[in-house]
C-alpha cells in the first residue's frame, strides 16, 4: 500500500511520519503517482491548468499522469476542488475533500480556534480579558472561537447574516447583531470567518484606529485588506492555522481519514 503525500506545509510532513508509523509505504516523489493507492495533494491540489504546488516547485500533471493512476485510486485535498471532482469521473479515481467531511471539519475548527488564541495572545500588548471582540459569522470555526474567548472573559459580539441563529448565540451569553449593522468604532479585535466581503470601506473608515483585524476565512476573505492597510489599520489574513500551530495533531487527523477511507473501500 503506497501513499503519495504532497508535503506543501508542516501538516503534511507530520502526515508522512504518522502514515509510516502506521505501517504504510509513503512517497513524496511525483514520479511515484502511478504506483500509489492514495494521493494526498495538499491544500488545493491541482488547478485547472494541471499545476501542482509542491514543497520545491510547481509540477504539471498532464492527462497521461491521470490515465496512469490506479483504477479506484483515492485522491484527497483539504479544500474542495471542483476540477479534480470532474477529473475523477473521466479518469476513474475517487476524490474527496477533507473539509467536506463533518468529523474532520469539526476537529479542524477546534484546532483553528486554539491556534487563533495563540496568535492573538502573542501579537497584542493587551490581554484578551475584557477586550471587545467582534466575530463575523457563526459557522464551524466561529463556535469554538466564541467558547475560547468566553473563557478569557472577553466582551464578545457576533455578527451574523442569518438571524435564525440569534437565540442560540445569545444563549451562549454573548451579544448578537445583524452583520450589516456592525460598528467598529469601539472594537479592539475583529475576527472574520466569512469567505465573502462583509466589511465595507465605510465601516473601516469609522473603525477604532487601534483595532486588530484577523481574517481566517478563505479567499475572497471578508474584508478589503488593502483598503484597511491604507488606513494604517493592523489587518492580517491568517489562513490554514492548523498547519502552523497544531500541525502534529492536524497531520494525525488527515491520517485518520485516509485509514478510514481505505477500510471502507
Protein backbone atom coordinates (compact mmCIF):
# COMPACT_ATOMS: atom_id res chain seq x y z
CA UNK A 1 0.00 0.00 0.00
CA UNK A 2 1.69 3.19 -1.22
CA UNK A 3 0.50 6.68 -0.26
CA UNK A 4 1.77 9.78 -2.06
CA UNK A 5 1.92 12.89 0.11
CA UNK A 6 2.46 16.34 -1.34
CA UNK A 7 4.08 18.00 1.65
CA UNK A 8 3.24 21.64 0.99
CA UNK A 9 3.07 22.56 4.70
CA UNK A 10 4.01 21.32 8.19
CA UNK A 11 0.79 19.31 8.50
CA UNK A 12 1.73 17.14 5.52
CA UNK A 13 5.20 16.45 6.93
CA UNK A 14 3.55 15.19 10.11
CA UNK A 15 1.14 13.17 7.96
CA UNK A 16 4.05 11.37 6.32
CA UNK A 17 5.55 10.46 9.70
CA UNK A 18 2.17 9.30 11.02
CA UNK A 19 1.48 7.07 8.00
CA UNK A 20 4.92 5.49 8.25
CA UNK A 21 4.27 4.74 11.95
CA UNK A 22 1.04 3.01 10.92
CA UNK A 23 2.88 0.74 8.51
CA UNK A 24 2.20 2.38 5.14
CA UNK A 25 4.75 3.00 2.41
CA UNK A 26 4.95 6.74 1.76
CA UNK A 27 6.45 8.76 -1.09
CA UNK A 28 6.68 12.46 -1.92
CA UNK A 29 8.04 11.86 -5.41
CA UNK A 30 5.71 12.84 -8.25
CA UNK A 31 7.16 10.03 -10.39
CA UNK A 32 5.58 7.54 -7.95
CA UNK A 33 2.00 8.72 -8.58
CA UNK A 34 1.24 5.81 -10.93
CA UNK A 35 2.03 3.29 -8.17
CA UNK A 36 0.10 4.98 -5.36
CA UNK A 37 -3.18 3.78 -3.87
CA UNK A 38 -3.80 7.17 -2.25
CA UNK A 39 -2.75 10.66 -3.32
CA UNK A 40 -2.84 13.43 -0.73
CA UNK A 41 -2.37 16.53 -2.89
CA UNK A 42 -2.27 19.10 -0.09
CA UNK A 43 -4.34 22.21 0.45
CA UNK A 44 -5.79 22.82 -3.03
CA UNK A 45 -4.35 20.08 -5.22
CA UNK A 46 -4.20 20.51 -9.00
CA UNK A 47 -5.59 23.67 -10.58
CA UNK A 48 -7.44 23.83 -13.91
CA UNK A 49 -4.10 24.18 -15.72
CA UNK A 50 -2.92 20.91 -14.17
CA UNK A 51 -0.37 22.64 -11.92
CA UNK A 52 0.52 21.11 -8.55
CA UNK A 53 2.41 23.22 -6.00
CA UNK A 54 4.94 21.03 -4.19
CA UNK A 55 7.39 21.97 -1.44
CA UNK A 56 10.09 22.55 -4.06
CA UNK A 57 8.44 23.57 -7.31
CA UNK A 58 5.34 23.67 -9.47
CA UNK A 59 4.77 20.43 -11.39
CA UNK A 60 2.44 19.82 -14.32
CA UNK A 61 0.26 16.72 -14.02
CA UNK A 62 -0.93 16.14 -17.58
CA UNK A 63 -3.65 13.80 -18.84
CA UNK A 64 -1.10 10.97 -19.14
CA UNK A 65 -0.46 11.22 -15.38
CA UNK A 66 -4.15 10.76 -14.61
CA UNK A 67 -4.56 7.95 -17.15
CA UNK A 68 -1.75 6.04 -15.42
CA UNK A 69 -3.31 6.28 -11.94
CA UNK A 70 -4.51 3.01 -10.43
CA UNK A 71 -8.21 2.44 -11.03
CA UNK A 72 -10.10 3.41 -7.88
CA UNK A 73 -7.11 5.39 -6.56
CA UNK A 74 -8.17 7.76 -3.76
CA UNK A 75 -7.28 11.43 -4.34
CA UNK A 76 -7.57 13.84 -1.41
CA UNK A 77 -7.27 17.60 -0.97
CA UNK A 78 -8.07 19.79 2.00
CA UNK A 79 -10.21 22.36 0.20
CA UNK A 80 -12.85 21.23 -2.27
CA UNK A 81 -11.54 21.16 -5.85
CA UNK A 82 -14.26 21.05 -8.50
CA UNK A 83 -11.70 20.44 -11.25
CA UNK A 84 -10.48 17.26 -9.55
CA UNK A 85 -14.06 16.21 -8.89
CA UNK A 86 -14.77 16.45 -12.63
CA UNK A 87 -11.50 14.68 -13.50
CA UNK A 88 -12.37 11.79 -11.18
CA UNK A 89 -15.31 10.88 -13.42
CA UNK A 90 -13.20 10.87 -16.57
CA UNK A 91 -10.20 9.02 -15.15
CA UNK A 92 -11.98 6.69 -12.68
CA UNK A 93 -10.37 7.69 -9.42
CA UNK A 94 -12.13 8.52 -6.13
CA UNK A 95 -11.92 12.09 -4.94
CA UNK A 96 -12.74 13.58 -1.52
CA UNK A 97 -12.24 16.94 0.13
CA UNK A 98 -11.32 16.77 3.82
CA UNK A 99 -13.27 19.91 4.71
CA UNK A 100 -16.40 18.27 3.30
CA UNK A 101 -16.06 15.56 5.99
CA UNK A 102 -18.10 16.68 9.01
CA UNK A 103 -15.98 14.96 11.66
CA UNK A 104 -12.75 16.34 10.19
CA UNK A 105 -14.28 19.80 9.82
CA UNK A 106 -15.32 19.98 13.49
CA UNK A 107 -11.91 18.86 14.80
CA UNK A 108 -10.08 21.13 12.36
CA UNK A 109 -12.20 24.07 13.57
CA UNK A 110 -11.17 23.37 17.17
CA UNK A 111 -7.51 23.48 16.11
CA UNK A 112 -8.20 26.71 14.21
CA UNK A 113 -9.72 28.29 17.32
CA UNK A 114 -6.81 27.22 19.52
CA UNK A 115 -4.22 28.48 17.04
CA UNK A 116 -6.05 31.79 16.75
CA UNK A 117 -5.88 32.26 20.54
CA UNK A 118 -2.13 31.68 20.37
CA UNK A 119 -1.79 34.31 17.67
CA UNK A 120 -3.94 36.91 19.46
CA UNK A 121 -2.13 36.47 22.79
CA UNK A 122 1.35 36.68 21.26
CA UNK A 123 0.66 39.64 18.97
CA UNK A 124 -1.10 42.10 21.30
CA UNK A 125 0.06 44.45 24.04
CA UNK A 126 -3.22 43.99 25.91
CA UNK A 127 -4.92 40.85 27.28
CA UNK A 128 -7.97 39.15 25.82
CA UNK A 129 -9.55 39.70 29.22
CA UNK A 130 -12.23 42.41 28.85
CA UNK A 131 -11.18 43.15 25.25
CA UNK A 132 -14.12 43.98 23.00
CA UNK A 133 -14.02 41.36 20.25
CA UNK A 134 -16.32 41.08 17.24
CA UNK A 135 -16.64 37.77 15.39
CA UNK A 136 -18.22 37.76 11.93
CA UNK A 137 -20.04 34.55 11.03
CA UNK A 138 -21.35 31.61 13.03
CA UNK A 139 -20.08 28.52 11.24
CA UNK A 140 -17.85 25.66 12.36
CA UNK A 141 -14.85 27.90 13.06
CA UNK A 142 -16.73 30.62 14.91
CA UNK A 143 -18.25 28.35 17.55
CA UNK A 144 -15.04 27.15 19.26
CA UNK A 145 -13.60 30.67 18.95
CA UNK A 146 -16.56 32.02 20.91
CA UNK A 147 -16.11 29.36 23.59
CA UNK A 148 -12.38 30.06 23.94
CA UNK A 149 -12.91 33.82 24.19
CA UNK A 150 -15.66 33.36 26.76
CA UNK A 151 -13.13 31.53 28.93
CA UNK A 152 -10.89 34.61 28.71
CA UNK A 153 -13.83 36.82 29.80
CA UNK A 154 -13.73 38.85 26.62
CA UNK A 155 -16.60 41.17 25.68
CA UNK A 156 -17.90 39.28 22.61
CA UNK A 157 -20.18 40.42 19.79
CA UNK A 158 -21.17 38.06 16.97
CA UNK A 159 -22.27 39.49 13.63
CA UNK A 160 -24.42 37.17 11.52
CA UNK A 161 -26.32 37.32 8.24
CA UNK A 162 -28.98 34.79 9.21
CA UNK A 163 -30.78 35.91 12.34
CA UNK A 164 -32.24 32.43 12.90
CA UNK A 165 -29.08 31.76 14.96
CA UNK A 166 -29.60 34.78 17.19
CA UNK A 167 -31.35 32.93 20.01
CA UNK A 168 -28.71 30.16 20.02
CA UNK A 169 -25.89 32.71 20.16
CA UNK A 170 -27.50 34.71 22.95
CA UNK A 171 -27.94 31.52 24.97
CA UNK A 172 -24.13 31.30 24.92
CA UNK A 173 -24.10 34.58 26.83
CA UNK A 174 -22.79 36.80 24.04
CA UNK A 175 -24.26 39.68 22.09
CA UNK A 176 -25.61 39.06 18.59
CA UNK A 177 -26.16 41.67 15.85
CA UNK A 178 -27.02 41.78 12.16
CA UNK A 179 -23.77 41.72 10.18
CA UNK A 180 -24.92 44.76 8.20
CA UNK A 181 -25.17 46.83 11.40
CA UNK A 182 -21.63 46.34 12.67
CA UNK A 183 -19.88 49.31 14.26
CA UNK A 184 -16.10 49.03 14.59
CA UNK A 185 -15.53 52.32 16.39
CA UNK A 186 -15.11 50.67 19.80
CA UNK A 187 -13.93 47.18 18.76
CA UNK A 188 -10.47 46.01 19.87
CA UNK A 189 -10.30 42.87 17.73
CA UNK A 190 -12.28 41.93 14.60
CA UNK A 191 -12.23 38.24 13.62
CA UNK A 192 -13.73 37.32 10.28
CA UNK A 193 -14.80 33.75 9.41
CA UNK A 194 -16.99 34.62 6.38
CA UNK A 195 -15.48 33.85 2.91
CA UNK A 196 -17.12 36.82 1.19
CA UNK A 197 -16.75 40.56 1.67
CA UNK A 198 -18.92 41.69 4.59
CA UNK A 199 -16.96 44.71 5.85
CA UNK A 200 -17.17 47.69 3.52
CA UNK A 201 -14.93 50.76 3.23
CA UNK A 202 -17.42 52.92 5.12
CA UNK A 203 -17.20 50.64 8.17
CA UNK A 204 -13.41 50.57 8.03
CA UNK A 205 -13.33 54.39 7.85
CA UNK A 206 -15.05 54.50 11.25
CA UNK A 207 -13.02 51.70 12.85
CA UNK A 208 -11.04 52.11 16.05
CA UNK A 209 -7.54 53.11 14.87
CA UNK A 210 -6.01 50.57 17.27
CA UNK A 211 -8.18 47.68 16.08
CA UNK A 212 -6.61 44.34 15.22
CA UNK A 213 -8.28 42.72 12.20
CA UNK A 214 -7.71 38.99 11.69
CA UNK A 215 -9.28 37.21 8.72
CA UNK A 216 -9.26 33.39 8.94
CA UNK A 217 -11.68 32.84 6.05
CA UNK A 218 -10.71 31.54 2.63
CA UNK A 219 -10.49 33.74 -0.48
CA UNK A 220 -12.02 36.26 -1.25
CA UNK A 221 -11.99 36.87 2.54
CA UNK A 222 -14.43 39.13 4.37
CA UNK A 223 -12.55 42.40 4.43
CA UNK A 224 -10.86 44.70 1.92
CA UNK A 225 -7.43 44.28 3.47
CA UNK A 226 -5.69 46.59 1.00
CA UNK A 227 -8.02 49.42 2.00
CA UNK A 228 -7.67 48.60 5.71
CA UNK A 229 -3.87 48.73 5.42
CA UNK A 230 -4.08 52.04 3.52
CA UNK A 231 -5.85 53.45 6.59
CA UNK A 232 -3.00 52.29 8.78
CA UNK A 233 -5.07 49.57 10.43
CA UNK A 234 -3.50 46.36 11.75
CA UNK A 235 -5.08 43.95 9.28
CA UNK A 236 -3.88 40.41 8.57
CA UNK A 237 -5.01 37.32 6.66
CA UNK A 238 -4.31 34.18 8.70
CA UNK A 239 -5.15 31.09 6.60
CA UNK A 240 -4.61 27.39 7.35
CA UNK A 241 -3.99 27.88 11.07
CA UNK A 242 -3.83 24.13 11.98
CA UNK A 243 -0.78 23.58 9.76
CA UNK A 244 1.07 26.31 11.67
CA UNK A 245 0.02 25.93 15.31
CA UNK A 246 -1.10 22.31 15.77
CA UNK A 247 0.41 20.56 12.79
CA UNK A 248 1.17 17.33 14.66
CA UNK A 249 -2.46 16.67 15.51
CA UNK A 250 -3.59 18.13 12.17
CA UNK A 251 -1.46 15.53 10.35
CA UNK A 252 -2.95 12.79 12.51
CA UNK A 253 -6.47 13.93 11.54
CA UNK A 254 -5.64 13.51 7.85
CA UNK A 255 -4.14 10.07 8.51
CA UNK A 256 -7.33 9.04 10.34
CA UNK A 257 -9.44 9.97 7.30
CA UNK A 258 -7.14 8.12 4.91
CA UNK A 259 -7.21 4.99 7.08
CA UNK A 260 -10.98 5.13 7.41
CA UNK A 261 -11.48 5.55 3.66
CA UNK A 262 -9.19 2.60 2.92
CA UNK A 263 -11.04 0.39 5.41
CA UNK A 264 -14.40 1.31 3.86
CA UNK A 265 -13.27 0.98 0.24
